[in-house]
């Protein structure tokens, strides 16, 4: 299941903290999308309640239009009431009696508050509302699976929390596996960009936010623009390819030195140009995006590790570059695996990329 999470900057969206969205069903003639919205308390800056909207879209002649008659919104306690109802209703035993009657059941729920604000690149808290979205999707495709899950949740108050944790971890494991496949297949830049845009946490915990607008300068559009966790400094990330495993440096036997090959030289010049543009339009960027681009930095992802000599040459190059760091796709994989190990509560880190 894919959940799209958008966490809003309080400077631009003071009343909206987070939106989470998933596709419940995508059929030839219709589409259902569930959106969980967390408004922001302006006094505390935290999310203070939740709303769940399930929209239906009708498809006709290549056009997808919202069907307002089949759209529903639940707010606050109504969302929890729906969770409680599904849990309780699924836990009721079959009864042969006919007629209408009422039963009183104490809901089984995890006593959790709405999550507080977190850095946007971190995976979300494993909260019950996210499991609800997963259950709604299962209800569309596999009612038998939903029945089994709800029966477990009714019997075990911690089941939903553990299920959400396992669901999220499985999503992140699949994303890392996708990155490994793209690297091994020497995929195109666009494939890497799409995967990383959906999983920006793979850049690592040193970043706090991924900016949705990538055109902060007039002439250029960057692959990714992020802010750093420690100082909120702007950093651009330029994604290239694994270059089929070809080395980034060539060897000059006459002088016993490694020097940059053309692919690496070109991308360094490209990124230097980006940084010069940011420096020249700092005031414009600050007014338009409320981001201080002062001494913005850059990271380039290109190529593979290569042998020990190639890795040493890369270290020397990084040591002498100004405001730019180069990492390989093997390095990016190590970062993603380290985050994944942390999420899984493991201290052991996987071996280096193959």
C-alpha atoms as a PDB file:
ATOM      1  CA  UNK A   1       0.000   0.000   0.000  1.00  0.00           C
ATOM      2  CA  UNK A   2       1.315   3.424  -0.909  1.00  0.00           C
ATOM      3  CA  UNK A   3       0.544   6.328   1.434  1.00  0.00           C
ATOM      4  CA  UNK A   4       1.510   9.812   0.273  1.00  0.00           C
ATOM      5  CA  UNK A   5       2.405  12.082   3.202  1.00  0.00           C
ATOM      6  CA  UNK A   6       2.576  15.866   2.952  1.00  0.00           C
ATOM      7  CA  UNK A   7       3.724  17.807   6.011  1.00  0.00           C
ATOM      8  CA  UNK A   8       3.208  21.541   5.644  1.00  0.00           C
ATOM      9  CA  UNK A   9       5.455  24.387   6.748  1.00  0.00           C
ATOM     10  CA  UNK A  10       3.590  26.459   9.329  1.00  0.00           C
ATOM     11  CA  UNK A  11       4.960  29.625   7.710  1.00  0.00           C
ATOM     12  CA  UNK A  12       3.061  28.927   4.489  1.00  0.00           C
ATOM     13  CA  UNK A  13       0.159  26.773   5.775  1.00  0.00           C
ATOM     14  CA  UNK A  14      -0.381  27.863   9.400  1.00  0.00           C
ATOM     15  CA  UNK A  15      -3.642  25.908   9.803  1.00  0.00           C
ATOM     16  CA  UNK A  16      -2.614  22.640   8.148  1.00  0.00           C
ATOM     17  CA  UNK A  17      -0.104  20.240   9.710  1.00  0.00           C
ATOM     18  CA  UNK A  18      -0.229  17.010   7.678  1.00  0.00           C
ATOM     19  CA  UNK A  19      -2.138  15.279   4.898  1.00  0.00           C
ATOM     20  CA  UNK A  20      -1.963  11.525   4.246  1.00  0.00           C
ATOM     21  CA  UNK A  21      -3.530  10.030   1.142  1.00  0.00           C
ATOM     22  CA  UNK A  22      -4.004   6.588  -0.386  1.00  0.00           C
ATOM     23  CA  UNK A  23      -5.935   5.078  -3.277  1.00  0.00           C
ATOM     24  CA  UNK A  24      -8.591   2.656  -1.988  1.00  0.00           C
ATOM     25  CA  UNK A  25      -9.759   1.456  -5.392  1.00  0.00           C
ATOM     26  CA  UNK A  26      -8.884   2.223  -9.001  1.00  0.00           C
ATOM     27  CA  UNK A  27     -11.411   0.634 -11.336  1.00  0.00           C
ATOM     28  CA  UNK A  28     -12.109   1.205 -15.044  1.00  0.00           C
ATOM     29  CA  UNK A  29     -15.019   3.574 -14.351  1.00  0.00           C
ATOM     30  CA  UNK A  30     -14.285   4.912 -10.874  1.00  0.00           C
ATOM     31  CA  UNK A  31     -11.577   5.733  -8.354  1.00  0.00           C
ATOM     32  CA  UNK A  32     -11.759   6.087  -4.568  1.00  0.00           C
ATOM     33  CA  UNK A  33      -9.182   8.094  -2.612  1.00  0.00           C
ATOM     34  CA  UNK A  34      -8.973   8.363   1.188  1.00  0.00           C
ATOM     35  CA  UNK A  35      -7.353  11.484   2.666  1.00  0.00           C
ATOM     36  CA  UNK A  36      -6.557  11.901   6.363  1.00  0.00           C
ATOM     37  CA  UNK A  37      -6.020  15.561   7.319  1.00  0.00           C
ATOM     38  CA  UNK A  38      -4.460  16.863  10.541  1.00  0.00           C
ATOM     39  CA  UNK A  39      -5.104  20.597  11.133  1.00  0.00           C
ATOM     40  CA  UNK A  40      -2.537  22.619  13.079  1.00  0.00           C
ATOM     41  CA  UNK A  41      -3.050  24.405  16.384  1.00  0.00           C
ATOM     42  CA  UNK A  42      -1.587  27.886  15.825  1.00  0.00           C
ATOM     43  CA  UNK A  43      -0.701  28.258  19.513  1.00  0.00           C
ATOM     44  CA  UNK A  44       1.282  25.028  19.873  1.00  0.00           C
ATOM     45  CA  UNK A  45       2.177  24.295  16.244  1.00  0.00           C
ATOM     46  CA  UNK A  46       1.005  20.705  16.741  1.00  0.00           C
ATOM     47  CA  UNK A  47      -1.699  18.683  15.027  1.00  0.00           C
ATOM     48  CA  UNK A  48      -4.798  18.760  17.243  1.00  0.00           C
ATOM     49  CA  UNK A  49      -7.487  16.594  15.609  1.00  0.00           C
ATOM     50  CA  UNK A  50      -8.098  14.640  12.412  1.00  0.00           C
ATOM     51  CA  UNK A  51     -10.491  14.407   9.497  1.00  0.00           C
ATOM     52  CA  UNK A  52     -11.013  11.556   7.035  1.00  0.00           C
ATOM     53  CA  UNK A  53     -12.395  12.153   3.548  1.00  0.00           C
ATOM     54  CA  UNK A  54     -13.229   9.396   1.070  1.00  0.00           C
ATOM     55  CA  UNK A  55     -13.738  10.835  -2.404  1.00  0.00           C
ATOM     56  CA  UNK A  56     -15.173   9.041  -5.418  1.00  0.00           C
ATOM     57  CA  UNK A  57     -14.060  10.014  -8.911  1.00  0.00           C
ATOM     58  CA  UNK A  58     -15.923   8.959 -12.075  1.00  0.00           C
ATOM     59  CA  UNK A  59     -13.996   8.207 -15.255  1.00  0.00           C
ATOM     60  CA  UNK A  60     -15.485   9.013 -18.638  1.00  0.00           C
ATOM     61  CA  UNK A  61     -13.751   9.489 -21.993  1.00  0.00           C
ATOM     62  CA  UNK A  62     -10.358  10.019 -20.431  1.00  0.00           C
ATOM     63  CA  UNK A  63     -11.643  12.581 -17.912  1.00  0.00           C
ATOM     64  CA  UNK A  64     -11.773  11.940 -14.160  1.00  0.00           C
ATOM     65  CA  UNK A  65     -14.359  14.088 -12.312  1.00  0.00           C
ATOM     66  CA  UNK A  66     -15.227  14.160  -8.618  1.00  0.00           C
ATOM     67  CA  UNK A  67     -18.560  12.563  -7.690  1.00  0.00           C
ATOM     68  CA  UNK A  68     -19.738  14.780  -4.845  1.00  0.00           C
ATOM     69  CA  UNK A  69     -22.768  12.598  -4.076  1.00  0.00           C
ATOM     70  CA  UNK A  70     -20.500   9.703  -3.184  1.00  0.00           C
ATOM     71  CA  UNK A  71     -17.938  11.650  -1.144  1.00  0.00           C
ATOM     72  CA  UNK A  72     -17.959  11.505   2.653  1.00  0.00           C
ATOM     73  CA  UNK A  73     -15.989  13.383   5.338  1.00  0.00           C
ATOM     74  CA  UNK A  74     -15.573  12.360   8.976  1.00  0.00           C
ATOM     75  CA  UNK A  75     -14.023  14.668  11.570  1.00  0.00           C
ATOM     76  CA  UNK A  76     -12.553  14.316  15.051  1.00  0.00           C
ATOM     77  CA  UNK A  77     -14.278  11.642  17.114  1.00  0.00           C
ATOM     78  CA  UNK A  78     -16.194  10.441  14.035  1.00  0.00           C
ATOM     79  CA  UNK A  79     -12.981   8.923  12.647  1.00  0.00           C
ATOM     80  CA  UNK A  80     -12.330   7.029  15.877  1.00  0.00           C
ATOM     81  CA  UNK A  81     -15.997   6.019  16.033  1.00  0.00           C
ATOM     82  CA  UNK A  82     -15.659   4.409  12.593  1.00  0.00           C
ATOM     83  CA  UNK A  83     -12.573   2.486  13.717  1.00  0.00           C
ATOM     84  CA  UNK A  84     -14.391   1.358  16.862  1.00  0.00           C
ATOM     85  CA  UNK A  85     -17.472   0.345  14.883  1.00  0.00           C
ATOM     86  CA  UNK A  86     -15.527  -1.773  12.407  1.00  0.00           C
ATOM     87  CA  UNK A  87     -13.609  -3.474  15.210  1.00  0.00           C
ATOM     88  CA  UNK A  88     -16.711  -4.125  17.288  1.00  0.00           C
ATOM     89  CA  UNK A  89     -18.957  -5.184  14.389  1.00  0.00           C
ATOM     90  CA  UNK A  90     -16.422  -7.664  13.079  1.00  0.00           C
ATOM     91  CA  UNK A  91     -15.944  -9.138  16.544  1.00  0.00           C
ATOM     92  CA  UNK A  92     -19.664  -9.915  17.066  1.00  0.00           C
ATOM     93  CA  UNK A  93     -20.524 -13.632  16.930  1.00  0.00           C
ATOM     94  CA  UNK A  94     -23.059 -14.925  14.439  1.00  0.00           C
ATOM     95  CA  UNK A  95     -26.557 -14.890  15.905  1.00  0.00           C
ATOM     96  CA  UNK A  96     -29.470 -16.913  14.463  1.00  0.00           C
ATOM     97  CA  UNK A  97     -32.168 -14.569  15.850  1.00  0.00           C
ATOM     98  CA  UNK A  98     -34.072 -12.295  13.450  1.00  0.00           C
ATOM     99  CA  UNK A  99     -35.080  -8.686  14.022  1.00  0.00           C
ATOM    100  CA  UNK A 100     -33.371  -5.469  15.066  1.00  0.00           C
ATOM    101  CA  UNK A 101     -31.689  -5.100  18.428  1.00  0.00           C
ATOM    102  CA  UNK A 102     -28.831  -3.180  20.049  1.00  0.00           C
ATOM    103  CA  UNK A 103     -25.691  -4.318  21.821  1.00  0.00           C
ATOM    104  CA  UNK A 104     -23.236  -2.323  23.925  1.00  0.00           C
ATOM    105  CA  UNK A 105     -19.560  -3.115  23.426  1.00  0.00           C
ATOM    106  CA  UNK A 106     -16.618  -1.252  24.898  1.00  0.00           C
ATOM    107  CA  UNK A 107     -14.339  -0.372  21.979  1.00  0.00           C
ATOM    108  CA  UNK A 108     -10.845  -1.804  21.936  1.00  0.00           C
ATOM    109  CA  UNK A 109      -8.528   1.008  20.993  1.00  0.00           C
ATOM    110  CA  UNK A 110      -4.910   1.998  21.308  1.00  0.00           C
ATOM    111  CA  UNK A 111      -4.744   5.035  23.597  1.00  0.00           C
ATOM    112  CA  UNK A 112      -2.596   7.214  21.380  1.00  0.00           C
ATOM    113  CA  UNK A 113      -2.692  10.935  20.775  1.00  0.00           C
ATOM    114  CA  UNK A 114      -2.458  12.606  17.414  1.00  0.00           C
ATOM    115  CA  UNK A 115       1.240  12.642  16.525  1.00  0.00           C
ATOM    116  CA  UNK A 116       3.291  15.753  17.114  1.00  0.00           C
ATOM    117  CA  UNK A 117       5.256  17.544  14.433  1.00  0.00           C
ATOM    118  CA  UNK A 118       8.292  15.670  13.123  1.00  0.00           C
ATOM    119  CA  UNK A 119      10.861  16.284  10.411  1.00  0.00           C
ATOM    120  CA  UNK A 120       9.128  15.644   7.109  1.00  0.00           C
ATOM    121  CA  UNK A 121      11.569  13.079   5.768  1.00  0.00           C
ATOM    122  CA  UNK A 122      11.106  10.721   8.697  1.00  0.00           C
ATOM    123  CA  UNK A 123       8.557   7.940   8.325  1.00  0.00           C
ATOM    124  CA  UNK A 124       5.306   8.822  10.128  1.00  0.00           C
ATOM    125  CA  UNK A 125       4.366   7.542  13.575  1.00  0.00           C
ATOM    126  CA  UNK A 126       2.641   4.166  13.490  1.00  0.00           C
ATOM    127  CA  UNK A 127      -0.700   5.568  14.489  1.00  0.00           C
ATOM    128  CA  UNK A 128      -4.091   3.941  14.306  1.00  0.00           C
ATOM    129  CA  UNK A 129      -5.423   6.278  11.623  1.00  0.00           C
ATOM    130  CA  UNK A 130      -2.878   5.010   9.121  1.00  0.00           C
ATOM    131  CA  UNK A 131      -3.915   1.436   9.829  1.00  0.00           C
ATOM    132  CA  UNK A 132      -7.519   2.479   9.162  1.00  0.00           C
ATOM    133  CA  UNK A 133      -6.519   3.529   5.649  1.00  0.00           C
ATOM    134  CA  UNK A 134      -4.850   0.169   5.143  1.00  0.00           C
ATOM    135  CA  UNK A 135      -7.948  -1.635   6.384  1.00  0.00           C
ATOM    136  CA  UNK A 136     -10.193   0.357   4.061  1.00  0.00           C
ATOM    137  CA  UNK A 137      -8.029  -0.679   1.131  1.00  0.00           C
ATOM    138  CA  UNK A 138      -8.184  -4.314   2.250  1.00  0.00           C
ATOM    139  CA  UNK A 139     -11.955  -4.036   2.556  1.00  0.00           C
ATOM    140  CA  UNK A 140     -12.118  -3.114  -1.113  1.00  0.00           C
ATOM    141  CA  UNK A 141      -9.966  -6.012  -2.314  1.00  0.00           C
ATOM    142  CA  UNK A 142      -9.970  -8.760   0.342  1.00  0.00           C
ATOM    143  CA  UNK A 143     -12.835  -8.704   2.871  1.00  0.00           C
ATOM    144  CA  UNK A 144     -11.657 -12.030   4.282  1.00  0.00           C
ATOM    145  CA  UNK A 145      -8.286 -10.483   5.166  1.00  0.00           C
ATOM    146  CA  UNK A 146      -9.999  -7.508   6.780  1.00  0.00           C
ATOM    147  CA  UNK A 147     -12.185  -9.804   8.887  1.00  0.00           C
ATOM    148  CA  UNK A 148      -9.136 -11.679  10.170  1.00  0.00           C
ATOM    149  CA  UNK A 149      -7.246  -8.471  10.981  1.00  0.00           C
ATOM    150  CA  UNK A 150     -10.168  -6.965  12.859  1.00  0.00           C
ATOM    151  CA  UNK A 151     -10.764 -10.134  14.826  1.00  0.00           C
ATOM    152  CA  UNK A 152      -7.148 -10.021  15.964  1.00  0.00           C
ATOM    153  CA  UNK A 153      -7.407  -6.328  16.835  1.00  0.00           C
ATOM    154  CA  UNK A 154     -10.503  -6.914  18.935  1.00  0.00           C
ATOM    155  CA  UNK A 155      -8.691  -9.574  20.948  1.00  0.00           C
ATOM    156  CA  UNK A 156      -5.344  -7.786  21.250  1.00  0.00           C
ATOM    157  CA  UNK A 157      -5.238  -4.052  22.074  1.00  0.00           C
ATOM    158  CA  UNK A 158      -1.684  -3.692  20.737  1.00  0.00           C
ATOM    159  CA  UNK A 159      -2.340  -5.478  17.464  1.00  0.00           C
ATOM    160  CA  UNK A 160      -3.046  -2.340  15.415  1.00  0.00           C
ATOM    161  CA  UNK A 161       0.154  -0.679  16.588  1.00  0.00           C
ATOM    162  CA  UNK A 162       2.251  -3.702  15.691  1.00  0.00           C
ATOM    163  CA  UNK A 163       0.422  -4.133  12.380  1.00  0.00           C
ATOM    164  CA  UNK A 164       1.071  -0.493  11.425  1.00  0.00           C
ATOM    165  CA  UNK A 165       4.736  -0.838  12.334  1.00  0.00           C
ATOM    166  CA  UNK A 166       5.087  -3.977  10.232  1.00  0.00           C
ATOM    167  CA  UNK A 167       3.224  -2.374   7.330  1.00  0.00           C
ATOM    168  CA  UNK A 168       5.452   0.695   7.287  1.00  0.00           C
ATOM    169  CA  UNK A 169       8.645  -1.327   7.659  1.00  0.00           C
ATOM    170  CA  UNK A 170       7.604  -3.558   4.751  1.00  0.00           C
ATOM    171  CA  UNK A 171       7.058  -0.472   2.576  1.00  0.00           C
ATOM    172  CA  UNK A 172      10.538   0.855   3.385  1.00  0.00           C
ATOM    173  CA  UNK A 173      12.159  -2.539   2.813  1.00  0.00           C
ATOM    174  CA  UNK A 174      10.493  -2.733  -0.599  1.00  0.00           C
ATOM    175  CA  UNK A 175      11.747   0.765  -1.449  1.00  0.00           C
ATOM    176  CA  UNK A 176      15.344  -0.174  -0.611  1.00  0.00           C
ATOM    177  CA  UNK A 177      14.974  -3.334  -2.705  1.00  0.00           C
ATOM    178  CA  UNK A 178      13.725  -1.175  -5.598  1.00  0.00           C
ATOM    179  CA  UNK A 179      16.762   1.087  -5.250  1.00  0.00           C
ATOM    180  CA  UNK A 180      19.064  -1.943  -5.303  1.00  0.00           C
ATOM    181  CA  UNK A 181      17.399  -3.187  -8.498  1.00  0.00           C
ATOM    182  CA  UNK A 182      17.688   0.206 -10.198  1.00  0.00           C
ATOM    183  CA  UNK A 183      21.382   0.439  -9.340  1.00  0.00           C
ATOM    184  CA  UNK A 184      22.065  -3.100 -10.564  1.00  0.00           C
ATOM    185  CA  UNK A 185      20.137  -2.444 -13.790  1.00  0.00           C
ATOM    186  CA  UNK A 186      21.897   0.895 -14.429  1.00  0.00           C
ATOM    187  CA  UNK A 187      18.504   2.579 -14.675  1.00  0.00           C
ATOM    188  CA  UNK A 188      17.867   6.025 -16.149  1.00  0.00           C
ATOM    189  CA  UNK A 189      17.961   9.198 -14.054  1.00  0.00           C
ATOM    190  CA  UNK A 190      14.171   9.509 -14.210  1.00  0.00           C
ATOM    191  CA  UNK A 191      13.690   6.108 -12.553  1.00  0.00           C
ATOM    192  CA  UNK A 192      15.912   7.074  -9.627  1.00  0.00           C
ATOM    193  CA  UNK A 193      14.236  10.470  -9.335  1.00  0.00           C
ATOM    194  CA  UNK A 194      10.747   8.916  -9.182  1.00  0.00           C
ATOM    195  CA  UNK A 195      11.755   6.407  -6.503  1.00  0.00           C
ATOM    196  CA  UNK A 196      13.538   8.995  -4.348  1.00  0.00           C
ATOM    197  CA  UNK A 197      10.698  11.511  -4.696  1.00  0.00           C
ATOM    198  CA  UNK A 198       8.357   8.883  -3.229  1.00  0.00           C
ATOM    199  CA  UNK A 199      10.892   7.873  -0.555  1.00  0.00           C
ATOM    200  CA  UNK A 200      12.945  10.966   0.390  1.00  0.00           C
ATOM    201  CA  UNK A 201      13.823   9.364   3.746  1.00  0.00           C
ATOM    202  CA  UNK A 202      16.469   7.393   1.828  1.00  0.00           C
ATOM    203  CA  UNK A 203      18.578  10.558   1.669  1.00  0.00           C
ATOM    204  CA  UNK A 204      19.162  10.147   5.413  1.00  0.00           C
ATOM    205  CA  UNK A 205      18.258  11.759   8.723  1.00  0.00           C
ATOM    206  CA  UNK A 206      20.598  14.699   8.134  1.00  0.00           C
ATOM    207  CA  UNK A 207      17.793  16.259   6.085  1.00  0.00           C
ATOM    208  CA  UNK A 208      14.574  17.627   7.568  1.00  0.00           C
ATOM    209  CA  UNK A 209      12.350  18.656   4.646  1.00  0.00           C
ATOM    210  CA  UNK A 210      11.969  17.997   0.945  1.00  0.00           C
ATOM    211  CA  UNK A 211      10.758  21.087  -0.915  1.00  0.00           C
ATOM    212  CA  UNK A 212       7.986  20.507  -3.433  1.00  0.00           C
ATOM    213  CA  UNK A 213       8.998  23.494  -5.598  1.00  0.00           C
ATOM    214  CA  UNK A 214      12.267  22.722  -7.414  1.00  0.00           C
ATOM    215  CA  UNK A 215      12.492  25.967  -9.419  1.00  0.00           C
ATOM    216  CA  UNK A 216      13.845  28.394  -6.858  1.00  0.00           C
ATOM    217  CA  UNK A 217      15.985  30.107  -9.508  1.00  0.00           C
ATOM    218  CA  UNK A 218      14.822  31.584 -12.771  1.00  0.00           C
ATOM    219  CA  UNK A 219      16.923  29.527 -15.178  1.00  0.00           C
ATOM    220  CA  UNK A 220      17.255  26.109 -13.565  1.00  0.00           C
ATOM    221  CA  UNK A 221      15.199  23.285 -12.071  1.00  0.00           C
ATOM    222  CA  UNK A 222      17.013  21.085  -9.580  1.00  0.00           C
ATOM    223  CA  UNK A 223      16.409  17.365  -9.018  1.00  0.00           C
ATOM    224  CA  UNK A 224      15.818  17.715  -5.261  1.00  0.00           C
ATOM    225  CA  UNK A 225      15.899  20.616  -2.810  1.00  0.00           C
ATOM    226  CA  UNK A 226      16.111  19.778   0.879  1.00  0.00           C
ATOM    227  CA  UNK A 227      16.791  21.541   4.147  1.00  0.00           C
ATOM    228  CA  UNK A 228      19.344  20.162   6.566  1.00  0.00           C
ATOM    229  CA  UNK A 229      18.270  19.020  10.025  1.00  0.00           C
ATOM    230  CA  UNK A 230      21.028  20.758  11.975  1.00  0.00           C
ATOM    231  CA  UNK A 231      20.873  24.305  10.614  1.00  0.00           C
ATOM    232  CA  UNK A 232      17.943  24.398   8.120  1.00  0.00           C
ATOM    233  CA  UNK A 233      20.467  25.169   5.376  1.00  0.00           C
ATOM    234  CA  UNK A 234      19.294  24.623   1.813  1.00  0.00           C
ATOM    235  CA  UNK A 235      20.949  21.768  -0.054  1.00  0.00           C
ATOM    236  CA  UNK A 236      20.328  20.635  -3.608  1.00  0.00           C
ATOM    237  CA  UNK A 237      20.780  17.011  -4.632  1.00  0.00           C
ATOM    238  CA  UNK A 238      21.625  16.165  -8.225  1.00  0.00           C
ATOM    239  CA  UNK A 239      20.883  12.576  -9.284  1.00  0.00           C
ATOM    240  CA  UNK A 240      22.737  11.021 -12.204  1.00  0.00           C
ATOM    241  CA  UNK A 241      23.125   7.307 -13.010  1.00  0.00           C
ATOM    242  CA  UNK A 242      25.307   4.430 -11.868  1.00  0.00           C
ATOM    243  CA  UNK A 243      27.181   4.750 -15.204  1.00  0.00           C
ATOM    244  CA  UNK A 244      27.034   1.018 -15.705  1.00  0.00           C
ATOM    245  CA  UNK A 245      29.707   0.611 -13.052  1.00  0.00           C
ATOM    246  CA  UNK A 246      32.290   2.545 -15.096  1.00  0.00           C
ATOM    247  CA  UNK A 247      34.906   4.230 -12.870  1.00  0.00           C
ATOM    248  CA  UNK A 248      34.590   7.911 -12.021  1.00  0.00           C
ATOM    249  CA  UNK A 249      38.354   8.474 -12.249  1.00  0.00           C
ATOM    250  CA  UNK A 250      41.001   7.636 -14.843  1.00  0.00           C
ATOM    251  CA  UNK A 251      44.629   6.914 -13.991  1.00  0.00           C
ATOM    252  CA  UNK A 252      47.530   8.971 -15.313  1.00  0.00           C
ATOM    253  CA  UNK A 253      50.506   6.644 -15.076  1.00  0.00           C
ATOM    254  CA  UNK A 254      53.042   9.349 -15.973  1.00  0.00           C
ATOM    255  CA  UNK A 255      52.100  11.452 -12.934  1.00  0.00           C
ATOM    256  CA  UNK A 256      50.739   8.610 -10.767  1.00  0.00           C
ATOM    257  CA  UNK A 257      47.425  10.403 -10.179  1.00  0.00           C
ATOM    258  CA  UNK A 258      43.723   9.742 -10.666  1.00  0.00           C
ATOM    259  CA  UNK A 259      41.737  12.457 -12.420  1.00  0.00           C
ATOM    260  CA  UNK A 260      38.017  13.024 -12.963  1.00  0.00           C
ATOM    261  CA  UNK A 261      36.458  11.506 -16.052  1.00  0.00           C
ATOM    262  CA  UNK A 262      34.088  13.481 -18.260  1.00  0.00           C
ATOM    263  CA  UNK A 263      30.782  12.419 -16.617  1.00  0.00           C
ATOM    264  CA  UNK A 264      31.950  13.545 -13.210  1.00  0.00           C
ATOM    265  CA  UNK A 265      33.559  16.758 -14.483  1.00  0.00           C
ATOM    266  CA  UNK A 266      30.353  17.796 -16.271  1.00  0.00           C
ATOM    267  CA  UNK A 267      28.043  17.262 -13.309  1.00  0.00           C
ATOM    268  CA  UNK A 268      30.366  19.163 -10.961  1.00  0.00           C
ATOM    269  CA  UNK A 269      30.309  22.126 -13.357  1.00  0.00           C
ATOM    270  CA  UNK A 270      26.525  21.835 -13.619  1.00  0.00           C
ATOM    271  CA  UNK A 271      26.082  21.942  -9.850  1.00  0.00           C
ATOM    272  CA  UNK A 272      28.555  24.797  -9.466  1.00  0.00           C
ATOM    273  CA  UNK A 273      26.361  26.744 -11.868  1.00  0.00           C
ATOM    274  CA  UNK A 274      23.275  25.940  -9.761  1.00  0.00           C
ATOM    275  CA  UNK A 275      24.994  27.225  -6.623  1.00  0.00           C
ATOM    276  CA  UNK A 276      26.099  30.419  -8.396  1.00  0.00           C
ATOM    277  CA  UNK A 277      22.480  31.024  -9.448  1.00  0.00           C
ATOM    278  CA  UNK A 278      21.289  30.515  -5.866  1.00  0.00           C
ATOM    279  CA  UNK A 279      23.911  32.932  -4.557  1.00  0.00           C
ATOM    280  CA  UNK A 280      22.884  35.554  -7.105  1.00  0.00           C
ATOM    281  CA  UNK A 281      19.159  35.297  -6.351  1.00  0.00           C
ATOM    282  CA  UNK A 282      19.285  34.831  -2.578  1.00  0.00           C
ATOM    283  CA  UNK A 283      16.970  37.769  -1.839  1.00  0.00           C
ATOM    284  CA  UNK A 284      14.436  36.628  -4.451  1.00  0.00           C
ATOM    285  CA  UNK A 285      14.432  33.091  -3.071  1.00  0.00           C
ATOM    286  CA  UNK A 286      13.935  34.424   0.458  1.00  0.00           C
ATOM    287  CA  UNK A 287      10.964  36.591  -0.571  1.00  0.00           C
ATOM    288  CA  UNK A 288       9.313  33.975  -2.769  1.00  0.00           C
ATOM    289  CA  UNK A 289       9.885  30.798  -0.752  1.00  0.00           C
ATOM    290  CA  UNK A 290      10.864  32.076   2.736  1.00  0.00           C
ATOM    291  CA  UNK A 291      14.071  30.039   2.415  1.00  0.00           C
ATOM    292  CA  UNK A 292      17.489  31.516   3.083  1.00  0.00           C
ATOM    293  CA  UNK A 293      19.790  30.244   0.338  1.00  0.00           C
ATOM    294  CA  UNK A 294      22.897  31.698   2.001  1.00  0.00           C
ATOM    295  CA  UNK A 295      25.843  29.422   1.209  1.00  0.00           C
ATOM    296  CA  UNK A 296      23.574  26.623  -0.007  1.00  0.00           C
ATOM    297  CA  UNK A 297      25.370  23.322  -0.452  1.00  0.00           C
ATOM    298  CA  UNK A 298      25.004  20.472  -2.927  1.00  0.00           C
ATOM    299  CA  UNK A 299      25.302  16.706  -3.113  1.00  0.00           C
ATOM    300  CA  UNK A 300      25.857  14.714  -6.300  1.00  0.00           C
ATOM    301  CA  UNK A 301      24.869  11.050  -6.573  1.00  0.00           C
ATOM    302  CA  UNK A 302      26.680   9.314  -9.425  1.00  0.00           C
ATOM    303  CA  UNK A 303      28.457   6.074 -10.336  1.00  0.00           C
ATOM    304  CA  UNK A 304      29.527   3.130  -8.164  1.00  0.00           C
ATOM    305  CA  UNK A 305      32.204   2.716  -5.497  1.00  0.00           C
ATOM    306  CA  UNK A 306      34.698   0.834  -7.643  1.00  0.00           C
ATOM    307  CA  UNK A 307      37.900  -0.530  -6.144  1.00  0.00           C
ATOM    308  CA  UNK A 308      39.916   0.884  -3.246  1.00  0.00           C
ATOM    309  CA  UNK A 309      41.878   3.252  -5.504  1.00  0.00           C
ATOM    310  CA  UNK A 310      38.635   4.708  -6.917  1.00  0.00           C
ATOM    311  CA  UNK A 311      37.206   5.217  -3.422  1.00  0.00           C
ATOM    312  CA  UNK A 312      40.398   6.964  -2.254  1.00  0.00           C
ATOM    313  CA  UNK A 313      40.293   9.234  -5.314  1.00  0.00           C
ATOM    314  CA  UNK A 314      36.708  10.165  -4.461  1.00  0.00           C
ATOM    315  CA  UNK A 315      37.698  10.995  -0.872  1.00  0.00           C
ATOM    316  CA  UNK A 316      40.474  13.291  -2.093  1.00  0.00           C
ATOM    317  CA  UNK A 317      38.134  15.012  -4.527  1.00  0.00           C
ATOM    318  CA  UNK A 318      35.512  15.634  -1.837  1.00  0.00           C
ATOM    319  CA  UNK A 319      38.193  16.990   0.488  1.00  0.00           C
ATOM    320  CA  UNK A 320      39.014  19.738  -1.990  1.00  0.00           C
ATOM    321  CA  UNK A 321      35.543  20.603  -3.292  1.00  0.00           C
ATOM    322  CA  UNK A 322      33.809  23.697  -1.910  1.00  0.00           C
ATOM    323  CA  UNK A 323      30.120  23.349  -0.870  1.00  0.00           C
ATOM    324  CA  UNK A 324      29.755  20.169  -2.960  1.00  0.00           C
ATOM    325  CA  UNK A 325      29.904  16.516  -1.900  1.00  0.00           C
ATOM    326  CA  UNK A 326      29.930  13.529  -4.255  1.00  0.00           C
ATOM    327  CA  UNK A 327      28.562  10.151  -3.195  1.00  0.00           C
ATOM    328  CA  UNK A 328      28.080   7.001  -5.241  1.00  0.00           C
ATOM    329  CA  UNK A 329      24.873   5.027  -5.532  1.00  0.00           C
ATOM    330  CA  UNK A 330      26.526   2.441  -3.294  1.00  0.00           C
ATOM    331  CA  UNK A 331      26.886   5.223  -0.720  1.00  0.00           C
ATOM    332  CA  UNK A 332      23.212   6.154  -1.129  1.00  0.00           C
ATOM    333  CA  UNK A 333      22.272   2.505  -0.582  1.00  0.00           C
ATOM    334  CA  UNK A 334      24.325   2.421   2.615  1.00  0.00           C
ATOM    335  CA  UNK A 335      22.453   5.479   3.904  1.00  0.00           C
ATOM    336  CA  UNK A 336      19.062   3.936   3.051  1.00  0.00           C
ATOM    337  CA  UNK A 337      19.987   0.631   4.698  1.00  0.00           C
ATOM    338  CA  UNK A 338      21.157   2.426   7.826  1.00  0.00           C
ATOM    339  CA  UNK A 339      17.822   4.250   8.112  1.00  0.00           C
ATOM    340  CA  UNK A 340      16.006   0.963   7.513  1.00  0.00           C
ATOM    341  CA  UNK A 341      18.057  -0.781  10.215  1.00  0.00           C
ATOM    342  CA  UNK A 342      17.180   2.013  12.645  1.00  0.00           C
ATOM    343  CA  UNK A 343      13.469   1.751  11.836  1.00  0.00           C
ATOM    344  CA  UNK A 344      13.591  -1.985  12.413  1.00  0.00           C
ATOM    345  CA  UNK A 345      15.305  -1.520  15.778  1.00  0.00           C
ATOM    346  CA  UNK A 346      18.443  -3.286  14.573  1.00  0.00           C
ATOM    347  CA  UNK A 347      21.981  -2.271  15.440  1.00  0.00           C
ATOM    348  CA  UNK A 348      23.489  -4.564  12.818  1.00  0.00           C
ATOM    349  CA  UNK A 349      23.880  -2.864   9.448  1.00  0.00           C
ATOM    350  CA  UNK A 350      23.779  -4.759   6.159  1.00  0.00           C
ATOM    351  CA  UNK A 351      26.934  -5.291   4.197  1.00  0.00           C
ATOM    352  CA  UNK A 352      28.010  -2.795   1.550  1.00  0.00           C
ATOM    353  CA  UNK A 353      26.171  -2.678  -1.745  1.00  0.00           C
ATOM    354  CA  UNK A 354      26.783  -5.450  -4.202  1.00  0.00           C
END
